[in-house]
Amino acid sequence: MSKHFLVILVALSLCGCVTIPKRVTLPLPPKAKFVEVSKFCKKNGLTYSYNTLDDVVELTSKDKNIRLLLNSLLVYYNGRFFRLKNSPFYREGRIFIPQELEDIILKKIPKIFVPLAIKRIVIDPGHGGKDPGAISPGGIKEKDINLRIAKLLKRELEKKGFIVYLTRKKDIYLSLQKRVEIAKDRRADLFISIHANSNRNCRVNGVEIYYLSPKYFNWKKRLLWLSNYLPPDLRGAYSRHQREIIWRNICAKNDAISRQAAHCLVAIFRELGFKVSYPKGAPFYVLKYGYVPSILVEVGYLSNSREERLLKNPRYQHQIACAIALGVSSLNRQYPRLVKRYGNR
């Protein structure tokens, strides 16, 4: 269940406070004790906010963080989930909380879990097998360069204490969907796709780093696609609309961290003397449909004669791997702030 809680936790952790709109009046559930949310908060030393878009109520104090989804039996309390016998609901402009919640916060006081660092990283050497990717004038295949740099990057990141996985360790073909699913299955905190570029203009050169920009995707299509890939029992427990809410919040957090990751890598590459472009938004599949924060690194242009020579040089490949690893370390130092701002994993 921990994987499922992780998904819901992100969803409930990203909600803000807006004005309460008019709702349809619902009758009080029979044989159940409820209390109006403001009275409940006053009695228990809490303050509350309500996100009308996602129907999430958040109750907070110095040592308590409680999140409830209206008409849902799940309650999130200080990093853990509990199940209520009765669900909170909205009636005539007021929110009612089941009295049983008081028993939970008085009797069960779990420790707050706050992820302090990136732990697991998936590196994706682009292309492979029947798909060579770009091919240089001298016959260098992108798929081979990608794999060599990915293996070097794995080694550098492991030296820094990260748990690192490769989507492929040899010259095999993987679909784009399989690549992003590997990141999901490994419960990665970050997905890095390694590529080499090409251009008809042989003078174009330099490193480029991409993240998913909102202007390049259709929110509705993306959410519908992702919501279908929730675990089967979670899909059964939530309506399609609720699943879309979950994924909208996950995507907002992932996209924010992805942007920051791209900026961190660009800063490091510049410090080390590489020619690198400003971070770019792009609609690449592994970014658009990734389950985790994701970036794509174009390590140079195989179509440029100088960069072709550099990219096949093992020493230069190692320099690129070290630059990416330093960028990840820079992101890792900012990770607690990002998580606090955009929600727990």
Protein backbone atom coordinates (compact mmCIF):
# COMPACT_ATOMS: atom_id res chain seq x y z
CA MET A 1 0.00 0.00 0.00
CA SER A 2 2.95 2.37 0.52
CA LYS A 3 3.17 3.01 -3.23
CA HIS A 4 -0.50 3.88 -3.33
CA PHE A 5 -0.23 6.14 -0.29
CA LEU A 6 2.67 7.88 -2.01
CA VAL A 7 0.44 8.80 -4.94
CA ILE A 8 -2.38 10.06 -2.73
CA LEU A 9 0.01 11.85 -0.39
CA VAL A 10 1.37 13.97 -3.22
CA ALA A 11 -2.13 14.81 -4.31
CA LEU A 12 -3.25 15.91 -0.88
CA SER A 13 -0.01 17.74 -0.18
CA LEU A 14 -0.36 20.30 -2.97
CA CYS A 15 -3.62 21.98 -2.09
CA GLY A 16 -4.05 25.67 -1.29
CA CYS A 17 -6.82 27.83 0.10
CA VAL A 18 -9.55 29.56 -1.88
CA THR A 19 -13.04 30.90 -1.28
CA ILE A 20 -15.86 28.43 -0.55
CA PRO A 21 -18.48 28.44 -3.33
CA LYS A 22 -22.15 27.56 -3.13
CA ARG A 23 -22.83 23.84 -3.08
CA VAL A 24 -25.80 21.54 -3.33
CA THR A 25 -27.33 20.94 0.12
CA LEU A 26 -26.87 17.38 1.32
CA PRO A 27 -28.58 15.72 4.29
CA LEU A 28 -26.59 14.79 7.39
CA PRO A 29 -25.58 11.12 7.43
CA PRO A 30 -27.74 9.22 9.93
CA LYS A 31 -26.40 7.95 13.28
CA ALA A 32 -23.09 9.77 12.99
CA LYS A 33 -21.62 12.63 15.01
CA PHE A 34 -20.25 15.58 13.08
CA VAL A 35 -18.93 18.99 14.06
CA GLU A 36 -18.54 22.14 11.97
CA VAL A 37 -14.90 22.58 10.95
CA SER A 38 -14.34 25.96 12.65
CA LYS A 39 -15.62 24.60 15.96
CA PHE A 40 -13.51 21.49 15.58
CA CYS A 41 -10.41 23.62 14.95
CA LYS A 42 -11.10 25.93 17.89
CA LYS A 43 -11.48 22.99 20.26
CA ASN A 44 -8.30 21.27 19.06
CA GLY A 45 -6.05 24.30 18.51
CA LEU A 46 -6.02 24.06 14.72
CA THR A 47 -6.45 26.39 11.76
CA TYR A 48 -7.94 25.28 8.46
CA SER A 49 -7.95 26.04 4.76
CA TYR A 50 -10.16 24.69 2.01
CA ASN A 51 -9.33 24.14 -1.66
CA THR A 52 -12.64 24.20 -3.51
CA LEU A 53 -11.11 22.99 -6.76
CA ASP A 54 -10.03 19.66 -5.31
CA ASP A 55 -12.33 19.50 -2.24
CA VAL A 56 -9.40 19.16 0.15
CA VAL A 57 -9.57 20.48 3.72
CA GLU A 58 -6.26 21.06 5.50
CA LEU A 59 -6.08 21.40 9.30
CA THR A 60 -2.78 22.56 10.78
CA SER A 61 -1.04 23.50 14.01
CA LYS A 62 2.58 23.67 15.12
CA ASP A 63 2.88 19.89 15.35
CA LYS A 64 -0.08 18.62 13.32
CA ASN A 65 -0.84 18.45 9.63
CA ILE A 66 -4.17 16.88 8.67
CA ARG A 67 -5.67 16.66 5.20
CA LEU A 68 -9.11 15.37 4.29
CA LEU A 69 -10.85 14.93 0.96
CA LEU A 70 -14.56 15.70 1.16
CA ASN A 71 -16.74 12.61 0.77
CA SER A 72 -13.70 10.37 1.23
CA LEU A 73 -12.93 8.10 4.19
CA LEU A 74 -9.17 8.63 3.95
CA VAL A 75 -7.46 11.11 6.28
CA TYR A 76 -3.80 12.03 6.07
CA TYR A 77 -2.23 12.87 9.43
CA ASN A 78 1.46 13.76 9.86
CA GLY A 79 2.70 11.53 7.08
CA ARG A 80 0.38 8.56 7.56
CA PHE A 81 -3.09 7.61 6.38
CA PHE A 82 -6.05 6.51 8.49
CA ARG A 83 -9.52 5.43 7.48
CA LEU A 84 -12.63 7.08 8.91
CA LYS A 85 -15.99 5.41 9.42
CA ASN A 86 -17.72 8.56 8.14
CA SER A 87 -16.50 11.04 5.54
CA PRO A 88 -16.36 14.85 5.89
CA PHE A 89 -18.86 16.74 3.78
CA TYR A 90 -20.07 20.18 2.71
CA ARG A 91 -23.55 21.49 3.58
CA GLU A 92 -25.09 24.96 3.26
CA GLY A 93 -21.75 26.77 3.05
CA ARG A 94 -20.16 24.86 5.92
CA ILE A 95 -17.80 21.92 6.20
CA PHE A 96 -18.58 19.17 8.68
CA ILE A 97 -15.91 16.91 10.16
CA PRO A 98 -16.67 13.50 11.73
CA GLN A 99 -16.14 13.61 15.48
CA GLU A 100 -14.11 10.41 15.25
CA LEU A 101 -11.24 12.43 13.77
CA GLU A 102 -10.62 13.83 17.24
CA ASP A 103 -9.91 10.33 18.51
CA ILE A 104 -7.32 9.85 15.79
CA ILE A 105 -5.41 13.05 16.50
CA LEU A 106 -5.56 12.50 20.28
CA LYS A 107 -4.62 8.82 20.34
CA LYS A 108 -2.44 8.38 17.26
CA ILE A 109 0.43 10.79 16.93
CA PRO A 110 2.69 9.59 14.11
CA LYS A 111 6.00 11.25 13.41
CA ILE A 112 6.10 13.72 10.55
CA PHE A 113 7.96 12.36 7.53
CA VAL A 114 9.77 14.93 5.45
CA PRO A 115 12.00 13.67 2.62
CA LEU A 116 15.30 15.47 2.98
CA ALA A 117 17.04 14.39 -0.17
CA ILE A 118 16.87 12.80 -3.57
CA LYS A 119 17.55 9.10 -3.10
CA ARG A 120 16.79 7.17 -6.28
CA ILE A 121 17.69 8.28 -9.80
CA VAL A 122 16.94 6.59 -13.11
CA ILE A 123 19.26 7.38 -16.02
CA ASP A 124 17.92 6.73 -19.50
CA PRO A 125 20.49 6.30 -22.30
CA GLY A 126 18.41 7.41 -25.28
CA HIS A 127 17.77 5.20 -28.32
CA GLY A 128 19.39 1.74 -28.58
CA GLY A 129 19.07 -1.49 -30.53
CA LYS A 130 17.31 -0.96 -33.86
CA ASP A 131 17.12 2.79 -33.12
CA PRO A 132 20.62 4.32 -33.53
CA GLY A 133 19.54 7.90 -32.96
CA ALA A 134 21.65 10.56 -34.66
CA ILE A 135 24.67 9.42 -36.68
CA SER A 136 27.70 11.68 -37.13
CA PRO A 137 29.45 12.25 -40.49
CA GLY A 138 32.14 9.89 -39.21
CA GLY A 139 29.64 7.15 -38.39
CA ILE A 140 29.43 7.64 -34.61
CA LYS A 141 26.03 6.47 -33.39
CA GLU A 142 24.19 8.47 -30.78
CA LYS A 143 22.94 5.35 -28.97
CA ASP A 144 26.54 4.34 -28.16
CA ILE A 145 27.55 7.78 -26.86
CA ASN A 146 24.43 7.94 -24.72
CA LEU A 147 25.14 4.58 -23.10
CA ARG A 148 28.78 5.36 -22.34
CA ILE A 149 27.95 8.68 -20.70
CA ALA A 150 25.03 7.12 -18.80
CA LYS A 151 27.30 4.46 -17.30
CA LEU A 152 29.86 7.08 -16.29
CA LEU A 153 27.12 9.23 -14.79
CA LYS A 154 25.79 6.27 -12.82
CA ARG A 155 29.24 5.75 -11.31
CA GLU A 156 29.63 9.44 -10.40
CA LEU A 157 26.18 9.63 -8.79
CA GLU A 158 26.77 6.45 -6.81
CA LYS A 159 29.97 7.99 -5.44
CA LYS A 160 27.77 10.77 -4.07
CA GLY A 161 25.50 8.28 -2.32
CA PHE A 162 22.57 8.09 -4.73
CA ILE A 163 20.85 4.84 -5.68
CA VAL A 164 21.04 4.76 -9.47
CA TYR A 165 19.38 2.61 -12.13
CA LEU A 166 19.82 2.50 -15.90
CA THR A 167 16.89 1.91 -18.24
CA ARG A 168 19.27 -0.11 -20.40
CA LYS A 169 22.75 -1.47 -19.72
CA LYS A 170 23.47 -2.67 -23.24
CA ASP A 171 22.52 -2.02 -26.84
CA ILE A 172 18.82 -2.93 -26.74
CA TYR A 173 15.68 -1.20 -27.94
CA LEU A 174 13.17 0.13 -25.38
CA SER A 175 9.92 1.90 -26.14
CA LEU A 176 9.47 5.39 -24.72
CA GLN A 177 6.61 4.16 -22.56
CA LYS A 178 8.81 1.41 -21.10
CA ARG A 179 11.47 3.97 -20.19
CA VAL A 180 9.12 6.13 -18.13
CA GLU A 181 7.54 3.05 -16.55
CA ILE A 182 10.96 1.92 -15.32
CA ALA A 183 11.29 5.23 -13.47
CA LYS A 184 7.86 4.71 -11.93
CA ASP A 185 8.57 1.11 -10.93
CA ARG A 186 11.89 2.10 -9.34
CA ARG A 187 10.11 4.88 -7.42
CA ALA A 188 12.67 7.34 -8.74
CA ASP A 189 13.01 10.84 -7.38
CA LEU A 190 14.55 12.02 -10.65
CA PHE A 191 14.68 10.78 -14.25
CA ILE A 192 17.55 11.89 -16.52
CA SER A 193 17.43 11.07 -20.23
CA ILE A 194 20.78 11.28 -22.04
CA HIS A 195 20.92 12.18 -25.74
CA ALA A 196 23.25 13.64 -28.37
CA ASN A 197 21.98 16.16 -30.89
CA SER A 198 22.20 16.72 -34.63
CA ASN A 199 21.45 19.60 -36.98
CA ARG A 200 21.61 20.25 -40.73
CA ASN A 201 23.71 23.29 -39.89
CA CYS A 202 27.03 21.73 -38.90
CA ARG A 203 28.09 24.89 -37.07
CA VAL A 204 25.42 24.50 -34.37
CA ASN A 205 26.95 23.17 -31.14
CA GLY A 206 26.67 23.11 -27.37
CA VAL A 207 24.88 21.35 -24.54
CA GLU A 208 21.10 21.72 -24.22
CA ILE A 209 18.89 20.77 -21.27
CA TYR A 210 15.15 20.32 -21.56
CA TYR A 211 12.19 20.15 -19.20
CA LEU A 212 8.47 20.00 -19.91
CA SER A 213 7.03 23.45 -20.50
CA PRO A 214 3.25 23.90 -19.92
CA LYS A 215 2.87 25.54 -23.33
CA TYR A 216 3.77 22.26 -25.01
CA PHE A 217 1.11 19.97 -23.61
CA ASN A 218 -2.61 19.50 -23.35
CA TRP A 219 -3.42 19.19 -19.64
CA LYS A 220 -6.62 17.24 -20.21
CA LYS A 221 -5.04 14.69 -22.54
CA ARG A 222 -2.01 14.27 -20.30
CA LEU A 223 -4.09 13.77 -17.16
CA LEU A 224 -6.44 11.31 -18.81
CA TRP A 225 -3.47 9.27 -19.99
CA LEU A 226 -1.69 9.26 -16.64
CA SER A 227 -4.81 8.60 -14.56
CA ASN A 228 -5.30 5.31 -16.41
CA TYR A 229 -1.97 4.11 -15.08
CA LEU A 230 -2.80 4.32 -11.38
CA PRO A 231 -2.69 0.93 -9.59
CA PRO A 232 -5.88 -1.08 -10.28
CA ASP A 233 -7.18 -1.00 -6.70
CA LEU A 234 -6.61 2.75 -6.54
CA ARG A 235 -8.48 3.22 -9.80
CA GLY A 236 -11.40 1.34 -8.30
CA ALA A 237 -11.40 3.47 -5.15
CA TYR A 238 -11.51 6.83 -6.96
CA SER A 239 -13.58 8.29 -9.74
CA ARG A 240 -11.94 9.43 -12.97
CA HIS A 241 -12.29 13.03 -11.81
CA GLN A 242 -10.54 12.25 -8.52
CA ARG A 243 -7.77 10.42 -10.36
CA GLU A 244 -7.28 13.46 -12.58
CA ILE A 245 -7.03 15.64 -9.46
CA ILE A 246 -4.36 13.34 -8.07
CA TRP A 247 -2.32 13.49 -11.26
CA ARG A 248 -2.78 17.23 -11.76
CA ASN A 249 -1.14 17.79 -8.39
CA ILE A 250 1.60 15.25 -9.00
CA CYS A 251 2.37 16.85 -12.37
CA ALA A 252 2.51 20.35 -10.90
CA LYS A 253 5.10 19.24 -8.36
CA ASN A 254 7.10 17.17 -10.85
CA ASP A 255 7.19 19.98 -13.40
CA ALA A 256 8.41 22.49 -10.83
CA ILE A 257 11.24 20.22 -9.69
CA SER A 258 12.12 19.39 -13.31
CA ARG A 259 12.49 23.10 -14.15
CA GLN A 260 14.75 23.61 -11.16
CA ALA A 261 16.82 20.57 -12.11
CA ALA A 262 17.34 21.98 -15.60
CA HIS A 263 18.46 25.33 -14.19
CA CYS A 264 20.87 23.63 -11.78
CA LEU A 265 22.52 21.65 -14.56
CA VAL A 266 22.82 24.68 -16.84
CA ALA A 267 24.51 26.66 -14.05
CA ILE A 268 27.06 23.90 -13.43
CA PHE A 269 27.85 23.40 -17.12
CA ARG A 270 28.48 27.13 -17.47
CA GLU A 271 30.73 27.20 -14.41
CA LEU A 272 32.78 24.38 -15.90
CA GLY A 273 33.23 26.22 -19.20
CA PHE A 274 30.83 24.31 -21.43
CA LYS A 275 28.79 26.11 -24.04
CA VAL A 276 25.24 25.53 -22.83
CA SER A 277 21.92 27.06 -23.78
CA TYR A 278 19.36 28.44 -21.36
CA PRO A 279 16.99 25.64 -20.16
CA LYS A 280 14.37 24.89 -22.77
CA GLY A 281 10.82 23.62 -22.62
CA ALA A 282 10.02 20.71 -24.92
CA PRO A 283 7.23 18.19 -25.52
CA PHE A 284 9.41 15.05 -25.54
CA TYR A 285 7.50 11.90 -24.59
CA VAL A 286 9.70 11.03 -21.60
CA LEU A 287 9.02 14.50 -20.20
CA LYS A 288 5.34 14.75 -21.08
CA TYR A 289 4.35 11.34 -19.73
CA GLY A 290 6.92 10.88 -16.99
CA TYR A 291 5.66 9.80 -13.58
CA VAL A 292 8.53 11.58 -11.78
CA PRO A 293 10.52 14.83 -12.16
CA SER A 294 12.30 14.46 -15.50
CA ILE A 295 14.89 16.25 -17.63
CA LEU A 296 16.52 15.50 -20.97
CA VAL A 297 20.18 16.37 -21.55
CA GLU A 298 21.52 16.82 -25.09
CA VAL A 299 25.26 16.46 -24.49
CA GLY A 300 26.37 18.00 -27.79
CA TYR A 301 25.99 17.92 -31.58
CA LEU A 302 27.29 14.91 -33.48
CA SER A 303 26.76 16.95 -36.65
CA ASN A 304 29.46 19.40 -35.52
CA SER A 305 32.94 18.12 -36.37
CA ARG A 306 34.56 19.46 -33.20
CA GLU A 307 31.90 18.06 -30.89
CA GLU A 308 31.93 14.76 -32.77
CA ARG A 309 35.62 14.39 -31.87
CA LEU A 310 34.98 15.42 -28.28
CA LEU A 311 31.97 13.18 -27.73
CA LYS A 312 33.84 10.03 -28.74
CA ASN A 313 36.67 10.92 -26.32
CA PRO A 314 36.30 8.97 -23.02
CA ARG A 315 37.80 11.83 -21.03
CA TYR A 316 35.26 14.31 -22.40
CA GLN A 317 32.45 11.84 -21.76
CA HIS A 318 33.59 11.66 -18.14
CA GLN A 319 33.63 15.46 -17.89
CA ILE A 320 30.02 15.59 -19.05
CA ALA A 321 29.03 12.90 -16.55
CA CYS A 322 30.73 14.83 -13.74
CA ALA A 323 28.96 18.05 -14.74
CA ILE A 324 25.55 16.37 -14.66
CA ALA A 325 26.35 14.75 -11.30
CA LEU A 326 27.34 18.12 -9.84
CA GLY A 327 24.09 19.59 -11.14
CA VAL A 328 22.12 16.85 -9.41
CA SER A 329 24.00 17.55 -6.18
CA SER A 330 23.08 21.23 -6.52
CA LEU A 331 19.43 20.27 -6.97
CA ASN A 332 19.65 17.96 -3.98
CA ARG A 333 20.67 20.84 -1.73
CA GLN A 334 17.50 22.68 -2.78
CA TYR A 335 15.27 19.62 -2.63
CA PRO A 336 13.96 20.08 0.94
CA ARG A 337 12.79 23.60 0.06
CA LEU A 338 11.12 22.39 -3.13
CA VAL A 339 9.38 19.53 -1.36
CA LYS A 340 8.14 21.85 1.37
CA ARG A 341 6.77 24.24 -1.23
CA TYR A 342 5.20 21.73 -3.59
CA GLY A 343 4.36 18.85 -1.27
CA ASN A 344 5.76 15.62 0.15
CA ARG A 345 6.53 12.60 -1.97
